[in-house]
Amino acid sequence: MRSEGVPPGATVFIHRRAERTHSRYARSRLAMSMTKR
């Protein structure tokens, strides 16, 4: 996973938050966000 203009801390925070939130919903949203960008 390569982050452009995004600090590693943010990625870890999002990842940890996704784990707590609905796995499917969070993963789908994260994928859409990454693809949109």
PDB file of N, CA and C in Angstrom:
ATOM      1  N   MET A   1       0.850  -1.216   0.000  1.00  0.00           N
ATOM      2  CA  MET A   1       0.000   0.000   0.000  1.00  0.00           C
ATOM      3  C   MET A   1       0.875   1.252   0.000  1.00  0.00           C
ATOM      4  N   ARG A   2       0.717   2.081  -0.948  1.00  0.00           N
ATOM      5  CA  ARG A   2       1.562   3.295  -0.971  1.00  0.00           C
ATOM      6  C   ARG A   2       0.707   4.525  -0.636  1.00  0.00           C
ATOM      7  N   SER A   3       1.199   5.333   0.272  1.00  0.00           N
ATOM      8  CA  SER A   3       0.413   6.509   0.675  1.00  0.00           C
ATOM      9  C   SER A   3       1.003   7.768   0.051  1.00  0.00           C
ATOM     10  N   GLU A   4       0.209   8.522  -0.630  1.00  0.00           N
ATOM     11  CA  GLU A   4       0.704   9.752  -1.272  1.00  0.00           C
ATOM     12  C   GLU A   4       0.187  10.961  -0.498  1.00  0.00           C
ATOM     13  N   GLY A   5       1.094  11.670   0.153  1.00  0.00           N
ATOM     14  CA  GLY A   5       0.663  12.843   0.911  1.00  0.00           C
ATOM     15  C   GLY A   5      -0.143  12.441   2.140  1.00  0.00           C
ATOM     16  N   VAL A   6      -0.060  11.164   2.509  1.00  0.00           N
ATOM     17  CA  VAL A   6      -0.812  10.712   3.702  1.00  0.00           C
ATOM     18  C   VAL A   6       0.152  10.078   4.704  1.00  0.00           C
ATOM     19  N   PRO A   7       0.242  10.642   5.899  1.00  0.00           N
ATOM     20  CA  PRO A   7       1.157  10.114   6.923  1.00  0.00           C
ATOM     21  C   PRO A   7       0.780   8.696   7.335  1.00  0.00           C
ATOM     22  N   PRO A   8       1.770   7.884   7.679  1.00  0.00           N
ATOM     23  CA  PRO A   8       1.528   6.497   8.103  1.00  0.00           C
ATOM     24  C   PRO A   8       0.601   6.433   9.312  1.00  0.00           C
ATOM     25  N   GLY A   9       0.720   7.411  10.164  1.00  0.00           N
ATOM     26  CA  GLY A   9      -0.132   7.431  11.364  1.00  0.00           C
ATOM     27  C   GLY A   9      -1.609   7.448  10.979  1.00  0.00           C
ATOM     28  N   ALA A  10      -1.942   8.246   9.972  1.00  0.00           N
ATOM     29  CA  ALA A  10      -3.350   8.338   9.534  1.00  0.00           C
ATOM     30  C   ALA A  10      -3.819   6.982   9.010  1.00  0.00           C
ATOM     31  N   THR A  11      -2.963   6.335   8.241  1.00  0.00           N
ATOM     32  CA  THR A  11      -3.345   5.017   7.682  1.00  0.00           C
ATOM     33  C   THR A  11      -3.618   4.032   8.814  1.00  0.00           C
ATOM     34  N   VAL A  12      -2.743   4.025   9.806  1.00  0.00           N
ATOM     35  CA  VAL A  12      -2.918   3.098  10.939  1.00  0.00           C
ATOM     36  C   VAL A  12      -4.214   3.429  11.674  1.00  0.00           C
ATOM     37  N   PHE A  13      -4.453   4.720  11.866  1.00  0.00           N
ATOM     38  CA  PHE A  13      -5.671   5.145  12.576  1.00  0.00           C
ATOM     39  C   PHE A  13      -6.913   4.671  11.815  1.00  0.00           C
ATOM     40  N   ILE A  14      -6.914   4.884  10.506  1.00  0.00           N
ATOM     41  CA  ILE A  14      -8.070   4.468   9.676  1.00  0.00           C
ATOM     42  C   ILE A  14      -8.217   2.952   9.736  1.00  0.00           C
ATOM     43  N   HIS A  15      -7.089   2.263   9.635  1.00  0.00           N
ATOM     44  CA  HIS A  15      -7.129   0.791   9.657  1.00  0.00           C
ATOM     45  C   HIS A  15      -7.736   0.307  10.979  1.00  0.00           C
ATOM     46  N   ARG A  16      -7.259   0.890  12.063  1.00  0.00           N
ATOM     47  CA  ARG A  16      -7.740   0.461  13.402  1.00  0.00           C
ATOM     48  C   ARG A  16      -9.221   0.816  13.519  1.00  0.00           C
ATOM     49  N   ARG A  17      -9.597   1.951  13.023  1.00  0.00           N
ATOM     50  CA  ARG A  17     -11.005   2.386  13.130  1.00  0.00           C
ATOM     51  C   ARG A  17     -11.869   1.432  12.292  1.00  0.00           C
ATOM     52  N   ALA A  18     -11.403   1.080  11.126  1.00  0.00           N
ATOM     53  CA  ALA A  18     -12.169   0.173  10.243  1.00  0.00           C
ATOM     54  C   ALA A  18     -12.398  -1.161  10.959  1.00  0.00           C
ATOM     55  N   GLU A  19     -11.386  -1.599  11.686  1.00  0.00           N
ATOM     56  CA  GLU A  19     -11.525  -2.901  12.387  1.00  0.00           C
ATOM     57  C   GLU A  19     -12.659  -2.819  13.414  1.00  0.00           C
ATOM     58  N   ARG A  20     -12.758  -1.686  14.061  1.00  0.00           N
ATOM     59  CA  ARG A  20     -13.810  -1.530  15.085  1.00  0.00           C
ATOM     60  C   ARG A  20     -15.165  -1.363  14.395  1.00  0.00           C
ATOM     61  N   THR A  21     -15.187  -0.622  13.314  1.00  0.00           N
ATOM     62  CA  THR A  21     -16.472  -0.410  12.610  1.00  0.00           C
ATOM     63  C   THR A  21     -16.848  -1.665  11.814  1.00  0.00           C
ATOM     64  N   HIS A  22     -17.955  -1.635  11.139  1.00  0.00           N
ATOM     65  CA  HIS A  22     -18.362  -2.801  10.336  1.00  0.00           C
ATOM     66  C   HIS A  22     -17.257  -3.130   9.341  1.00  0.00           C
ATOM     67  N   SER A  23     -16.785  -4.340   9.381  1.00  0.00           N
ATOM     68  CA  SER A  23     -15.693  -4.756   8.482  1.00  0.00           C
ATOM     69  C   SER A  23     -16.071  -4.501   7.022  1.00  0.00           C
ATOM     70  N   ARG A  24     -17.182  -5.060   6.597  1.00  0.00           N
ATOM     71  CA  ARG A  24     -17.571  -4.924   5.161  1.00  0.00           C
ATOM     72  C   ARG A  24     -17.788  -3.456   4.816  1.00  0.00           C
ATOM     73  N   TYR A  25     -18.571  -2.767   5.597  1.00  0.00           N
ATOM     74  CA  TYR A  25     -18.886  -1.361   5.298  1.00  0.00           C
ATOM     75  C   TYR A  25     -17.604  -0.508   5.314  1.00  0.00           C
ATOM     76  N   ALA A  26     -16.811  -0.689   6.356  1.00  0.00           N
ATOM     77  CA  ALA A  26     -15.571   0.095   6.474  1.00  0.00           C
ATOM     78  C   ALA A  26     -14.641  -0.204   5.298  1.00  0.00           C
ATOM     79  N   ARG A  27     -14.482  -1.487   4.986  1.00  0.00           N
ATOM     80  CA  ARG A  27     -13.549  -1.853   3.878  1.00  0.00           C
ATOM     81  C   ARG A  27     -14.077  -1.266   2.567  1.00  0.00           C
ATOM     82  N   SER A  28     -15.364  -1.375   2.356  1.00  0.00           N
ATOM     83  CA  SER A  28     -15.947  -0.865   1.094  1.00  0.00           C
ATOM     84  C   SER A  28     -15.723   0.648   1.015  1.00  0.00           C
ATOM     85  N   ARG A  29     -15.976   1.309   2.101  1.00  0.00           N
ATOM     86  CA  ARG A  29     -15.833   2.779   2.123  1.00  0.00           C
ATOM     87  C   ARG A  29     -14.359   3.149   1.925  1.00  0.00           C
ATOM     88  N   LEU A  30     -13.480   2.458   2.601  1.00  0.00           N
ATOM     89  CA  LEU A  30     -12.049   2.761   2.484  1.00  0.00           C
ATOM     90  C   LEU A  30     -11.594   2.538   1.039  1.00  0.00           C
ATOM     91  N   ALA A  31     -12.017   1.435   0.454  1.00  0.00           N
ATOM     92  CA  ALA A  31     -11.632   1.125  -0.934  1.00  0.00           C
ATOM     93  C   ALA A  31     -12.148   2.222  -1.867  1.00  0.00           C
ATOM     94  N   MET A  32     -13.374   2.645  -1.658  1.00  0.00           N
ATOM     95  CA  MET A  32     -13.952   3.695  -2.520  1.00  0.00           C
ATOM     96  C   MET A  32     -13.166   4.998  -2.343  1.00  0.00           C
ATOM     97  N   SER A  33     -12.830   5.307  -1.105  1.00  0.00           N
ATOM     98  CA  SER A  33     -12.073   6.545  -0.832  1.00  0.00           C
ATOM     99  C   SER A  33     -10.720   6.491  -1.532  1.00  0.00           C
ATOM    100  N   MET A  34     -10.030   5.370  -1.395  1.00  0.00           N
ATOM    101  CA  MET A  34      -8.698   5.238  -2.022  1.00  0.00           C
ATOM    102  C   MET A  34      -8.834   5.290  -3.541  1.00  0.00           C
ATOM    103  N   THR A  35      -9.847   4.638  -4.073  1.00  0.00           N
ATOM    104  CA  THR A  35     -10.016   4.630  -5.536  1.00  0.00           C
ATOM    105  C   THR A  35     -10.435   6.017  -6.027  1.00  0.00           C
ATOM    106  N   LYS A  36     -11.272   6.659  -5.262  1.00  0.00           N
ATOM    107  CA  LYS A  36     -11.744   7.997  -5.671  1.00  0.00           C
ATOM    108  C   LYS A  36     -10.545   8.942  -5.757  1.00  0.00           C
ATOM    109  N   ARG A  37      -9.622   8.792  -4.793  1.00  0.00           N
ATOM    110  CA  ARG A  37      -8.458   9.691  -4.783  1.00  0.00           C
ATOM    111  C   ARG A  37      -7.516   9.192  -5.853  1.00  0.00           C
TER     112      ARG A  37
END
